Amino acid sequence: MGIMREQADTRQISLGKAVQAIRENHPQVAESICRAWLAHNPGCLWHLRVLGHALMNQGQLDEAESSQRFALQLDPDNSEMEEDLASVLAMKGQPAEAVSHFQRAIRLEPVRPLP
């Protein structure tokens, strides 16, 4: 049980650092932190989500889309991931598909304010 708790704590510290890097407008730092974590834990949804944001902030939209689609494969009913994918698609100039994902995000969690 102690090992699992230690890994959860380490994950939270890593995520906190990555989110802070995004807030401080250092997306390359956030990307590096997320990639380091994902190299050993490829299915961590929250590191995938932050990686997607870091990539979007750097204009790497194709890779951001891939990251968000992979996250949705892992958790298909995650409204936050749907919203993130919709945002990437909107940035890529694909409004019809973006609207579809925004609508799905709303259906999954109608109280979310952003979609």
PDB file of N, CA and C in Angstrom:
ATOM      1  N   MET A   1       0.820  -1.186   0.000  1.00  0.00           N
ATOM      2  CA  MET A   1       0.000   0.000   0.000  1.00  0.00           C
ATOM      3  C   MET A   1       0.867   1.254   0.000  1.00  0.00           C
ATOM      4  N   GLY A   2       2.003   1.235   0.683  1.00  0.00           N
ATOM      5  CA  GLY A   2       2.881   2.387   0.759  1.00  0.00           C
ATOM      6  C   GLY A   2       3.460   2.766  -0.590  1.00  0.00           C
ATOM      7  N   ILE A   3       3.775   1.790  -1.418  1.00  0.00           N
ATOM      8  CA  ILE A   3       4.332   2.065  -2.753  1.00  0.00           C
ATOM      9  C   ILE A   3       3.298   2.763  -3.620  1.00  0.00           C
ATOM     10  N   MET A   4       2.062   2.318  -3.571  1.00  0.00           N
ATOM     11  CA  MET A   4       1.010   2.946  -4.369  1.00  0.00           C
ATOM     12  C   MET A   4       0.781   4.386  -3.920  1.00  0.00           C
ATOM     13  N   ARG A   5       0.801   4.605  -2.628  1.00  0.00           N
ATOM     14  CA  ARG A   5       0.611   5.963  -2.091  1.00  0.00           C
ATOM     15  C   ARG A   5       1.772   6.869  -2.496  1.00  0.00           C
ATOM     16  N   GLU A   6       2.981   6.318  -2.453  1.00  0.00           N
ATOM     17  CA  GLU A   6       4.164   7.089  -2.843  1.00  0.00           C
ATOM     18  C   GLU A   6       4.098   7.471  -4.320  1.00  0.00           C
ATOM     19  N   GLN A   7       3.659   6.532  -5.166  1.00  0.00           N
ATOM     20  CA  GLN A   7       3.540   6.837  -6.594  1.00  0.00           C
ATOM     21  C   GLN A   7       2.462   7.891  -6.830  1.00  0.00           C
ATOM     22  N   ALA A   8       1.347   7.808  -6.103  1.00  0.00           N
ATOM     23  CA  ALA A   8       0.286   8.813  -6.243  1.00  0.00           C
ATOM     24  C   ALA A   8       0.799  10.188  -5.828  1.00  0.00           C
ATOM     25  N   ASP A   9       1.562  10.237  -4.746  1.00  0.00           N
ATOM     26  CA  ASP A   9       2.136  11.513  -4.309  1.00  0.00           C
ATOM     27  C   ASP A   9       3.101  12.062  -5.354  1.00  0.00           C
ATOM     28  N   THR A  10       3.940  11.185  -5.894  1.00  0.00           N
ATOM     29  CA  THR A  10       4.902  11.599  -6.919  1.00  0.00           C
ATOM     30  C   THR A  10       4.173  12.104  -8.156  1.00  0.00           C
ATOM     31  N   ARG A  11       3.082  11.426  -8.525  1.00  0.00           N
ATOM     32  CA  ARG A  11       2.277  11.860  -9.683  1.00  0.00           C
ATOM     33  C   ARG A  11       1.714  13.257  -9.434  1.00  0.00           C
ATOM     34  N   GLN A  12       1.190  13.482  -8.240  1.00  0.00           N
ATOM     35  CA  GLN A  12       0.615  14.793  -7.920  1.00  0.00           C
ATOM     36  C   GLN A  12       1.675  15.889  -7.947  1.00  0.00           C
ATOM     37  N   ILE A  13       2.851  15.602  -7.448  1.00  0.00           N
ATOM     38  CA  ILE A  13       3.935  16.583  -7.468  1.00  0.00           C
ATOM     39  C   ILE A  13       4.312  16.902  -8.906  1.00  0.00           C
ATOM     40  N   SER A  14       4.435  15.873  -9.730  1.00  0.00           N
ATOM     41  CA  SER A  14       4.769  16.062 -11.138  1.00  0.00           C
ATOM     42  C   SER A  14       3.700  16.897 -11.843  1.00  0.00           C
ATOM     43  N   LEU A  15       2.438  16.549 -11.624  1.00  0.00           N
ATOM     44  CA  LEU A  15       1.344  17.313 -12.233  1.00  0.00           C
ATOM     45  C   LEU A  15       1.347  18.750 -11.760  1.00  0.00           C
ATOM     46  N   GLY A  16       1.569  18.951 -10.486  1.00  0.00           N
ATOM     47  CA  GLY A  16       1.606  20.308  -9.939  1.00  0.00           C
ATOM     48  C   GLY A  16       2.685  21.148 -10.605  1.00  0.00           C
ATOM     49  N   LYS A  17       3.850  20.564 -10.790  1.00  0.00           N
ATOM     50  CA  LYS A  17       4.944  21.280 -11.454  1.00  0.00           C
ATOM     51  C   LYS A  17       4.592  21.600 -12.907  1.00  0.00           C
ATOM     52  N   ALA A  18       3.974  20.642 -13.591  1.00  0.00           N
ATOM     53  CA  ALA A  18       3.602  20.854 -14.993  1.00  0.00           C
ATOM     54  C   ALA A  18       2.536  21.941 -15.124  1.00  0.00           C
ATOM     55  N   VAL A  19       1.543  21.908 -14.272  1.00  0.00           N
ATOM     56  CA  VAL A  19       0.485  22.922 -14.300  1.00  0.00           C
ATOM     57  C   VAL A  19       1.062  24.293 -13.974  1.00  0.00           C
ATOM     58  N   GLN A  20       1.940  24.346 -13.004  1.00  0.00           N
ATOM     59  CA  GLN A  20       2.573  25.617 -12.649  1.00  0.00           C
ATOM     60  C   GLN A  20       3.375  26.166 -13.832  1.00  0.00           C
ATOM     61  N   ALA A  21       4.059  25.295 -14.539  1.00  0.00           N
ATOM     62  CA  ALA A  21       4.820  25.727 -15.721  1.00  0.00           C
ATOM     63  C   ALA A  21       3.888  26.310 -16.781  1.00  0.00           C
ATOM     64  N   ILE A  22       2.718  25.713 -16.968  1.00  0.00           N
ATOM     65  CA  ILE A  22       1.729  26.247 -17.919  1.00  0.00           C
ATOM     66  C   ILE A  22       1.298  27.635 -17.452  1.00  0.00           C
ATOM     67  N   ARG A  23       0.973  27.752 -16.169  1.00  0.00           N
ATOM     68  CA  ARG A  23       0.517  29.041 -15.624  1.00  0.00           C
ATOM     69  C   ARG A  23       1.572  30.131 -15.771  1.00  0.00           C
ATOM     70  N   GLU A  24       2.831  29.747 -15.691  1.00  0.00           N
ATOM     71  CA  GLU A  24       3.924  30.712 -15.798  1.00  0.00           C
ATOM     72  C   GLU A  24       4.388  30.906 -17.241  1.00  0.00           C
ATOM     73  N   ASN A  25       3.600  30.373 -18.175  1.00  0.00           N
ATOM     74  CA  ASN A  25       3.879  30.505 -19.606  1.00  0.00           C
ATOM     75  C   ASN A  25       5.213  29.865 -20.007  1.00  0.00           C
ATOM     76  N   HIS A  26       5.424  28.662 -19.478  1.00  0.00           N
ATOM     77  CA  HIS A  26       6.588  27.860 -19.840  1.00  0.00           C
ATOM     78  C   HIS A  26       6.112  26.493 -20.339  1.00  0.00           C
ATOM     79  N   PRO A  27       5.410  26.485 -21.480  1.00  0.00           N
ATOM     80  CA  PRO A  27       4.842  25.220 -21.936  1.00  0.00           C
ATOM     81  C   PRO A  27       5.884  24.156 -22.255  1.00  0.00           C
ATOM     82  N   GLN A  28       7.098  24.590 -22.664  1.00  0.00           N
ATOM     83  CA  GLN A  28       8.124  23.586 -22.961  1.00  0.00           C
ATOM     84  C   GLN A  28       8.540  22.843 -21.689  1.00  0.00           C
ATOM     85  N   VAL A  29       8.533  23.534 -20.558  1.00  0.00           N
ATOM     86  CA  VAL A  29       8.860  22.887 -19.281  1.00  0.00           C
ATOM     87  C   VAL A  29       7.756  21.894 -18.929  1.00  0.00           C
ATOM     88  N   ALA A  30       6.510  22.314 -19.081  1.00  0.00           N
ATOM     89  CA  ALA A  30       5.374  21.424 -18.807  1.00  0.00           C
ATOM     90  C   ALA A  30       5.432  20.195 -19.713  1.00  0.00           C
ATOM     91  N   GLU A  31       5.748  20.417 -20.972  1.00  0.00           N
ATOM     92  CA  GLU A  31       5.857  19.300 -21.917  1.00  0.00           C
ATOM     93  C   GLU A  31       6.923  18.315 -21.448  1.00  0.00           C
ATOM     94  N   SER A  32       8.059  18.820 -21.056  1.00  0.00           N
ATOM     95  CA  SER A  32       9.163  17.968 -20.604  1.00  0.00           C
ATOM     96  C   SER A  32       8.781  17.158 -19.372  1.00  0.00           C
ATOM     97  N   ILE A  33       8.130  17.812 -18.421  1.00  0.00           N
ATOM     98  CA  ILE A  33       7.693  17.121 -17.198  1.00  0.00           C
ATOM     99  C   ILE A  33       6.709  16.006 -17.545  1.00  0.00           C
ATOM    100  N   CYS A  34       5.740  16.321 -18.387  1.00  0.00           N
ATOM    101  CA  CYS A  34       4.722  15.333 -18.752  1.00  0.00           C
ATOM    102  C   CYS A  34       5.324  14.171 -19.534  1.00  0.00           C
ATOM    103  N   ARG A  35       6.194  14.470 -20.468  1.00  0.00           N
ATOM    104  CA  ARG A  35       6.823  13.397 -21.252  1.00  0.00           C
ATOM    105  C   ARG A  35       7.663  12.485 -20.367  1.00  0.00           C
ATOM    106  N   ALA A  36       8.356  13.061 -19.392  1.00  0.00           N
ATOM    107  CA  ALA A  36       9.158  12.244 -18.475  1.00  0.00           C
ATOM    108  C   ALA A  36       8.260  11.292 -17.683  1.00  0.00           C
ATOM    109  N   TRP A  37       7.127  11.807 -17.203  1.00  0.00           N
ATOM    110  CA  TRP A  37       6.209  10.957 -16.447  1.00  0.00           C
ATOM    111  C   TRP A  37       5.589   9.893 -17.353  1.00  0.00           C
ATOM    112  N   LEU A  38       5.143  10.311 -18.526  1.00  0.00           N
ATOM    113  CA  LEU A  38       4.463   9.392 -19.444  1.00  0.00           C
ATOM    114  C   LEU A  38       5.392   8.318 -20.005  1.00  0.00           C
ATOM    115  N   ALA A  39       6.681   8.563 -19.995  1.00  0.00           N
ATOM    116  CA  ALA A  39       7.641   7.551 -20.465  1.00  0.00           C
ATOM    117  C   ALA A  39       7.547   6.287 -19.610  1.00  0.00           C
ATOM    118  N   HIS A  40       7.185   6.453 -18.344  1.00  0.00           N
ATOM    119  CA  HIS A  40       7.087   5.312 -17.430  1.00  0.00           C
ATOM    120  C   HIS A  40       5.650   4.977 -17.052  1.00  0.00           C
ATOM    121  N   ASN A  41       4.745   5.889 -17.345  1.00  0.00           N
ATOM    122  CA  ASN A  41       3.324   5.735 -16.987  1.00  0.00           C
ATOM    123  C   ASN A  41       2.468   6.234 -18.148  1.00  0.00           C
ATOM    124  N   PRO A  42       2.464   5.527 -19.263  1.00  0.00           N
ATOM    125  CA  PRO A  42       1.847   6.065 -20.490  1.00  0.00           C
ATOM    126  C   PRO A  42       0.339   6.275 -20.422  1.00  0.00           C
ATOM    127  N   GLY A  43      -0.316   5.707 -19.448  1.00  0.00           N
ATOM    128  CA  GLY A  43      -1.765   5.836 -19.378  1.00  0.00           C
ATOM    129  C   GLY A  43      -2.260   6.854 -18.373  1.00  0.00           C
ATOM    130  N   CYS A  44      -1.418   7.776 -17.952  1.00  0.00           N
ATOM    131  CA  CYS A  44      -1.854   8.780 -16.966  1.00  0.00           C
ATOM    132  C   CYS A  44      -2.655   9.876 -17.677  1.00  0.00           C
ATOM    133  N   LEU A  45      -3.961   9.851 -17.493  1.00  0.00           N
ATOM    134  CA  LEU A  45      -4.849  10.795 -18.172  1.00  0.00           C
ATOM    135  C   LEU A  45      -4.480  12.245 -17.912  1.00  0.00           C
ATOM    136  N   TRP A  46      -4.136  12.558 -16.682  1.00  0.00           N
ATOM    137  CA  TRP A  46      -3.931  13.959 -16.331  1.00  0.00           C
ATOM    138  C   TRP A  46      -2.612  14.480 -16.886  1.00  0.00           C
ATOM    139  N   HIS A  47      -1.601  13.636 -16.976  1.00  0.00           N
ATOM    140  CA  HIS A  47      -0.369  14.069 -17.640  1.00  0.00           C
ATOM    141  C   HIS A  47      -0.610  14.220 -19.147  1.00  0.00           C
ATOM    142  N   LEU A  48      -1.436  13.345 -19.721  1.00  0.00           N
ATOM    143  CA  LEU A  48      -1.791  13.492 -21.136  1.00  0.00           C
ATOM    144  C   LEU A  48      -2.545  14.798 -21.360  1.00  0.00           C
ATOM    145  N   ARG A  49      -3.428  15.137 -20.441  1.00  0.00           N
ATOM    146  CA  ARG A  49      -4.201  16.376 -20.583  1.00  0.00           C
ATOM    147  C   ARG A  49      -3.296  17.607 -20.522  1.00  0.00           C
ATOM    148  N   VAL A  50      -2.410  17.648 -19.547  1.00  0.00           N
ATOM    149  CA  VAL A  50      -1.506  18.787 -19.422  1.00  0.00           C
ATOM    150  C   VAL A  50      -0.541  18.830 -20.604  1.00  0.00           C
ATOM    151  N   LEU A  51      -0.090  17.660 -21.062  1.00  0.00           N
ATOM    152  CA  LEU A  51       0.762  17.619 -22.251  1.00  0.00           C
ATOM    153  C   LEU A  51       0.027  18.230 -23.438  1.00  0.00           C
ATOM    154  N   GLY A  52      -1.240  17.896 -23.602  1.00  0.00           N
ATOM    155  CA  GLY A  52      -2.030  18.473 -24.687  1.00  0.00           C
ATOM    156  C   GLY A  52      -2.088  19.988 -24.609  1.00  0.00           C
ATOM    157  N   HIS A  53      -2.271  20.510 -23.408  1.00  0.00           N
ATOM    158  CA  HIS A  53      -2.300  21.970 -23.223  1.00  0.00           C
ATOM    159  C   HIS A  53      -0.940  22.589 -23.548  1.00  0.00           C
ATOM    160  N   ALA A  54       0.124  21.937 -23.100  1.00  0.00           N
ATOM    161  CA  ALA A  54       1.468  22.459 -23.376  1.00  0.00           C
ATOM    162  C   ALA A  54       1.724  22.485 -24.879  1.00  0.00           C
ATOM    163  N   LEU A  55       1.306  21.433 -25.560  1.00  0.00           N
ATOM    164  CA  LEU A  55       1.498  21.371 -27.011  1.00  0.00           C
ATOM    165  C   LEU A  55       0.654  22.421 -27.725  1.00  0.00           C
ATOM    166  N   MET A  56      -0.590  22.618 -27.271  1.00  0.00           N
ATOM    167  CA  MET A  56      -1.442  23.655 -27.863  1.00  0.00           C
ATOM    168  C   MET A  56      -0.794  25.019 -27.706  1.00  0.00           C
ATOM    169  N   ASN A  57      -0.254  25.279 -26.529  1.00  0.00           N
ATOM    170  CA  ASN A  57       0.378  26.575 -26.267  1.00  0.00           C
ATOM    171  C   ASN A  57       1.602  26.811 -27.142  1.00  0.00           C
ATOM    172  N   GLN A  58       2.177  25.750 -27.649  1.00  0.00           N
ATOM    173  CA  GLN A  58       3.344  25.863 -28.519  1.00  0.00           C
ATOM    174  C   GLN A  58       2.980  25.751 -29.997  1.00  0.00           C
ATOM    175  N   GLY A  59       1.679  25.633 -30.280  1.00  0.00           N
ATOM    176  CA  GLY A  59       1.231  25.539 -31.664  1.00  0.00           C
ATOM    177  C   GLY A  59       1.424  24.175 -32.290  1.00  0.00           C
ATOM    178  N   GLN A  60       1.697  23.167 -31.492  1.00  0.00           N
ATOM    179  CA  GLN A  60       1.884  21.799 -31.989  1.00  0.00           C
ATOM    180  C   GLN A  60       0.532  21.071 -31.948  1.00  0.00           C
ATOM    181  N   LEU A  61      -0.345  21.519 -32.825  1.00  0.00           N
ATOM    182  CA  LEU A  61      -1.744  21.103 -32.740  1.00  0.00           C
ATOM    183  C   LEU A  61      -1.982  19.656 -33.132  1.00  0.00           C
ATOM    184  N   ASP A  62      -1.253  19.142 -34.115  1.00  0.00           N
ATOM    185  CA  ASP A  62      -1.449  17.748 -34.505  1.00  0.00           C
ATOM    186  C   ASP A  62      -1.095  16.805 -33.359  1.00  0.00           C
ATOM    187  N   GLU A  63       0.020  17.077 -32.699  1.00  0.00           N
ATOM    188  CA  GLU A  63       0.421  16.227 -31.583  1.00  0.00           C
ATOM    189  C   GLU A  63      -0.511  16.412 -30.389  1.00  0.00           C
ATOM    190  N   ALA A  64      -0.984  17.635 -30.175  1.00  0.00           N
ATOM    191  CA  ALA A  64      -1.954  17.878 -29.103  1.00  0.00           C
ATOM    192  C   ALA A  64      -3.228  17.077 -29.358  1.00  0.00           C
ATOM    193  N   GLU A  65      -3.661  17.076 -30.597  1.00  0.00           N
ATOM    194  CA  GLU A  65      -4.853  16.287 -30.959  1.00  0.00           C
ATOM    195  C   GLU A  65      -4.619  14.807 -30.689  1.00  0.00           C
ATOM    196  N   SER A  66      -3.470  14.298 -31.081  1.00  0.00           N
ATOM    197  CA  SER A  66      -3.161  12.879 -30.848  1.00  0.00           C
ATOM    198  C   SER A  66      -3.174  12.546 -29.366  1.00  0.00           C
ATOM    199  N   SER A  67      -2.595  13.423 -28.562  1.00  0.00           N
ATOM    200  CA  SER A  67      -2.551  13.210 -27.118  1.00  0.00           C
ATOM    201  C   SER A  67      -3.959  13.155 -26.535  1.00  0.00           C
ATOM    202  N   GLN A  68      -4.823  14.072 -26.969  1.00  0.00           N
ATOM    203  CA  GLN A  68      -6.189  14.115 -26.436  1.00  0.00           C
ATOM    204  C   GLN A  68      -7.012  12.918 -26.927  1.00  0.00           C
ATOM    205  N   ARG A  69      -6.803  12.526 -28.158  1.00  0.00           N
ATOM    206  CA  ARG A  69      -7.531  11.347 -28.663  1.00  0.00           C
ATOM    207  C   ARG A  69      -7.113  10.090 -27.908  1.00  0.00           C
ATOM    208  N   PHE A  70      -5.812   9.971 -27.611  1.00  0.00           N
ATOM    209  CA  PHE A  70      -5.338   8.822 -26.839  1.00  0.00           C
ATOM    210  C   PHE A  70      -5.964   8.833 -25.444  1.00  0.00           C
ATOM    211  N   ALA A  71      -6.003   9.988 -24.818  1.00  0.00           N
ATOM    212  CA  ALA A  71      -6.616  10.098 -23.493  1.00  0.00           C
ATOM    213  C   ALA A  71      -8.086   9.681 -23.540  1.00  0.00           C
ATOM    214  N   LEU A  72      -8.790  10.073 -24.599  1.00  0.00           N
ATOM    215  CA  LEU A  72     -10.203   9.692 -24.732  1.00  0.00           C
ATOM    216  C   LEU A  72     -10.371   8.193 -24.977  1.00  0.00           C
ATOM    217  N   GLN A  73      -9.398   7.572 -25.605  1.00  0.00           N
ATOM    218  CA  GLN A  73      -9.465   6.115 -25.754  1.00  0.00           C
ATOM    219  C   GLN A  73      -9.378   5.440 -24.391  1.00  0.00           C
ATOM    220  N   LEU A  74      -8.584   6.021 -23.503  1.00  0.00           N
ATOM    221  CA  LEU A  74      -8.426   5.455 -22.170  1.00  0.00           C
ATOM    222  C   LEU A  74      -9.646   5.708 -21.293  1.00  0.00           C
ATOM    223  N   ASP A  75     -10.312   6.837 -21.499  1.00  0.00           N
ATOM    224  CA  ASP A  75     -11.485   7.219 -20.699  1.00  0.00           C
ATOM    225  C   ASP A  75     -12.496   7.909 -21.614  1.00  0.00           C
ATOM    226  N   PRO A  76     -13.265   7.123 -22.362  1.00  0.00           N
ATOM    227  CA  PRO A  76     -14.145   7.682 -23.400  1.00  0.00           C
ATOM    228  C   PRO A  76     -15.253   8.594 -22.894  1.00  0.00           C
ATOM    229  N   ASP A  77     -15.580   8.532 -21.627  1.00  0.00           N
ATOM    230  CA  ASP A  77     -16.674   9.340 -21.099  1.00  0.00           C
ATOM    231  C   ASP A  77     -16.169  10.491 -20.236  1.00  0.00           C
ATOM    232  N   ASN A  78     -15.003  11.001 -20.556  1.00  0.00           N
ATOM    233  CA  ASN A  78     -14.409  12.084 -19.787  1.00  0.00           C
ATOM    234  C   ASN A  78     -14.717  13.416 -20.464  1.00  0.00           C
ATOM    235  N   SER A  79     -15.570  14.210 -19.831  1.00  0.00           N
ATOM    236  CA  SER A  79     -16.012  15.467 -20.445  1.00  0.00           C
ATOM    237  C   SER A  79     -14.867  16.462 -20.601  1.00  0.00           C
ATOM    238  N   GLU A  80     -13.926  16.464 -19.672  1.00  0.00           N
ATOM    239  CA  GLU A  80     -12.799  17.393 -19.766  1.00  0.00           C
ATOM    240  C   GLU A  80     -11.920  17.070 -20.976  1.00  0.00           C
ATOM    241  N   MET A  81     -11.712  15.791 -21.232  1.00  0.00           N
ATOM    242  CA  MET A  81     -10.913  15.388 -22.390  1.00  0.00           C
ATOM    243  C   MET A  81     -11.649  15.726 -23.690  1.00  0.00           C
ATOM    244  N   GLU A  82     -12.972  15.546 -23.692  1.00  0.00           N
ATOM    245  CA  GLU A  82     -13.777  15.921 -24.865  1.00  0.00           C
ATOM    246  C   GLU A  82     -13.642  17.415 -25.130  1.00  0.00           C
ATOM    247  N   GLU A  83     -13.718  18.195 -24.074  1.00  0.00           N
ATOM    248  CA  GLU A  83     -13.603  19.641 -24.195  1.00  0.00           C
ATOM    249  C   GLU A  83     -12.220  20.038 -24.735  1.00  0.00           C
ATOM    250  N   ASP A  84     -11.184  19.396 -24.212  1.00  0.00           N
ATOM    251  CA  ASP A  84      -9.824  19.694 -24.678  1.00  0.00           C
ATOM    252  C   ASP A  84      -9.646  19.339 -26.149  1.00  0.00           C
ATOM    253  N   LEU A  85     -10.173  18.173 -26.546  1.00  0.00           N
ATOM    254  CA  LEU A  85     -10.082  17.787 -27.956  1.00  0.00           C
ATOM    255  C   LEU A  85     -10.842  18.786 -28.823  1.00  0.00           C
ATOM    256  N   ALA A  86     -12.010  19.204 -28.372  1.00  0.00           N
ATOM    257  CA  ALA A  86     -12.789  20.190 -29.126  1.00  0.00           C
ATOM    258  C   ALA A  86     -12.005  21.484 -29.297  1.00  0.00           C
ATOM    259  N   SER A  87     -11.312  21.901 -28.256  1.00  0.00           N
ATOM    260  CA  SER A  87     -10.513  23.134 -28.330  1.00  0.00           C
ATOM    261  C   SER A  87      -9.396  23.006 -29.358  1.00  0.00           C
ATOM    262  N   VAL A  88      -8.720  21.874 -29.358  1.00  0.00           N
ATOM    263  CA  VAL A  88      -7.650  21.652 -30.336  1.00  0.00           C
ATOM    264  C   VAL A  88      -8.228  21.696 -31.749  1.00  0.00           C
ATOM    265  N   LEU A  89      -9.341  21.025 -31.943  1.00  0.00           N
ATOM    266  CA  LEU A  89      -9.947  20.980 -33.274  1.00  0.00           C
ATOM    267  C   LEU A  89     -10.382  22.376 -33.725  1.00  0.00           C
ATOM    268  N   ALA A  90     -10.903  23.157 -32.792  1.00  0.00           N
ATOM    269  CA  ALA A  90     -11.280  24.536 -33.137  1.00  0.00           C
ATOM    270  C   ALA A  90     -10.043  25.333 -33.543  1.00  0.00           C
ATOM    271  N   MET A  91      -8.953  25.163 -32.813  1.00  0.00           N
ATOM    272  CA  MET A  91      -7.715  25.860 -33.152  1.00  0.00           C
ATOM    273  C   MET A  91      -7.179  25.423 -34.517  1.00  0.00           C
ATOM    274  N   LYS A  92      -7.451  24.180 -34.888  1.00  0.00           N
ATOM    275  CA  LYS A  92      -6.993  23.658 -36.178  1.00  0.00           C
ATOM    276  C   LYS A  92      -7.913  24.061 -37.329  1.00  0.00           C
ATOM    277  N   GLY A  93      -8.980  24.775 -37.015  1.00  0.00           N
ATOM    278  CA  GLY A  93      -9.895  25.201 -38.060  1.00  0.00           C
ATOM    279  C   GLY A  93     -10.850  24.106 -38.504  1.00  0.00           C
ATOM    280  N   GLN A  94     -11.227  23.241 -37.570  1.00  0.00           N
ATOM    281  CA  GLN A  94     -12.170  22.156 -37.858  1.00  0.00           C
ATOM    282  C   GLN A  94     -13.419  22.347 -36.991  1.00  0.00           C
ATOM    283  N   PRO A  95     -14.202  23.399 -37.286  1.00  0.00           N
ATOM    284  CA  PRO A  95     -15.310  23.763 -36.394  1.00  0.00           C
ATOM    285  C   PRO A  95     -16.404  22.706 -36.276  1.00  0.00           C
ATOM    286  N   ALA A  96     -16.717  22.007 -37.346  1.00  0.00           N
ATOM    287  CA  ALA A  96     -17.803  21.026 -37.267  1.00  0.00           C
ATOM    288  C   ALA A  96     -17.461  19.906 -36.287  1.00  0.00           C
ATOM    289  N   GLU A  97     -16.252  19.390 -36.390  1.00  0.00           N
ATOM    290  CA  GLU A  97     -15.861  18.323 -35.464  1.00  0.00           C
ATOM    291  C   GLU A  97     -15.692  18.878 -34.048  1.00  0.00           C
ATOM    292  N   ALA A  98     -15.197  20.109 -33.937  1.00  0.00           N
ATOM    293  CA  ALA A  98     -15.047  20.730 -32.623  1.00  0.00           C
ATOM    294  C   ALA A  98     -16.410  20.852 -31.935  1.00  0.00           C
ATOM    295  N   VAL A  99     -17.413  21.315 -32.665  1.00  0.00           N
ATOM    296  CA  VAL A  99     -18.762  21.470 -32.100  1.00  0.00           C
ATOM    297  C   VAL A  99     -19.289  20.125 -31.621  1.00  0.00           C
ATOM    298  N   SER A 100     -19.047  19.084 -32.412  1.00  0.00           N
ATOM    299  CA  SER A 100     -19.494  17.744 -32.035  1.00  0.00           C
ATOM    300  C   SER A 100     -18.897  17.324 -30.692  1.00  0.00           C
ATOM    301  N   HIS A 101     -17.613  17.591 -30.497  1.00  0.00           N
ATOM    302  CA  HIS A 101     -16.965  17.209 -29.237  1.00  0.00           C
ATOM    303  C   HIS A 101     -17.399  18.120 -28.084  1.00  0.00           C
ATOM    304  N   PHE A 102     -17.625  19.405 -28.358  1.00  0.00           N
ATOM    305  CA  PHE A 102     -18.161  20.284 -27.317  1.00  0.00           C
ATOM    306  C   PHE A 102     -19.545  19.796 -26.886  1.00  0.00           C
ATOM    307  N   GLN A 103     -20.376  19.404 -27.850  1.00  0.00           N
ATOM    308  CA  GLN A 103     -21.717  18.912 -27.524  1.00  0.00           C
ATOM    309  C   GLN A 103     -21.647  17.640 -26.690  1.00  0.00           C
ATOM    310  N   ARG A 104     -20.731  16.766 -27.050  1.00  0.00           N
ATOM    311  CA  ARG A 104     -20.566  15.525 -26.269  1.00  0.00           C
ATOM    312  C   ARG A 104     -20.106  15.861 -24.847  1.00  0.00           C
ATOM    313  N   ALA A 105     -19.198  16.799 -24.703  1.00  0.00           N
ATOM    314  CA  ALA A 105     -18.736  17.212 -23.367  1.00  0.00           C
ATOM    315  C   ALA A 105     -19.915  17.715 -22.539  1.00  0.00           C
ATOM    316  N   ILE A 106     -20.797  18.480 -23.162  1.00  0.00           N
ATOM    317  CA  ILE A 106     -21.970  19.009 -22.455  1.00  0.00           C
ATOM    318  C   ILE A 106     -22.914  17.875 -22.064  1.00  0.00           C
ATOM    319  N   ARG A 107     -23.121  16.932 -22.978  1.00  0.00           N
ATOM    320  CA  ARG A 107     -23.996  15.799 -22.654  1.00  0.00           C
ATOM    321  C   ARG A 107     -23.422  14.975 -21.497  1.00  0.00           C
ATOM    322  N   LEU A 108     -22.106  14.795 -21.489  1.00  0.00           N
ATOM    323  CA  LEU A 108     -21.482  14.006 -20.428  1.00  0.00           C
ATOM    324  C   LEU A 108     -21.552  14.684 -19.075  1.00  0.00           C
ATOM    325  N   GLU A 109     -21.420  16.007 -19.086  1.00  0.00           N
ATOM    326  CA  GLU A 109     -21.400  16.751 -17.817  1.00  0.00           C
ATOM    327  C   GLU A 109     -22.010  18.137 -18.044  1.00  0.00           C
ATOM    328  N   PRO A 110     -23.343  18.201 -18.012  1.00  0.00           N
ATOM    329  CA  PRO A 110     -24.052  19.438 -18.348  1.00  0.00           C
ATOM    330  C   PRO A 110     -23.700  20.645 -17.473  1.00  0.00           C
ATOM    331  N   VAL A 111     -23.180  20.436 -16.284  1.00  0.00           N
ATOM    332  CA  VAL A 111     -22.893  21.559 -15.399  1.00  0.00           C
ATOM    333  C   VAL A 111     -21.525  22.179 -15.636  1.00  0.00           C
ATOM    334  N   ARG A 112     -20.699  21.582 -16.494  1.00  0.00           N
ATOM    335  CA  ARG A 112     -19.381  22.177 -16.778  1.00  0.00           C
ATOM    336  C   ARG A 112     -19.583  23.517 -17.453  1.00  0.00           C
ATOM    337  N   PRO A 113     -18.920  24.562 -16.967  1.00  0.00           N
ATOM    338  CA  PRO A 113     -19.183  25.903 -17.476  1.00  0.00           C
ATOM    339  C   PRO A 113     -18.589  26.207 -18.854  1.00  0.00           C
ATOM    340  N   LEU A 114     -17.440  25.623 -19.199  1.00  0.00           N
ATOM    341  CA  LEU A 114     -16.749  26.072 -20.404  1.00  0.00           C
ATOM    342  C   LEU A 114     -17.348  25.587 -21.723  1.00  0.00           C
ATOM    343  N   PRO A 115     -17.706  24.327 -21.875  1.00  0.00           N
ATOM    344  CA  PRO A 115     -18.208  23.925 -23.206  1.00  0.00           C
ATOM    345  C   PRO A 115     -19.456  24.683 -23.589  1.00  0.00           C
TER     346      PRO A 115
END
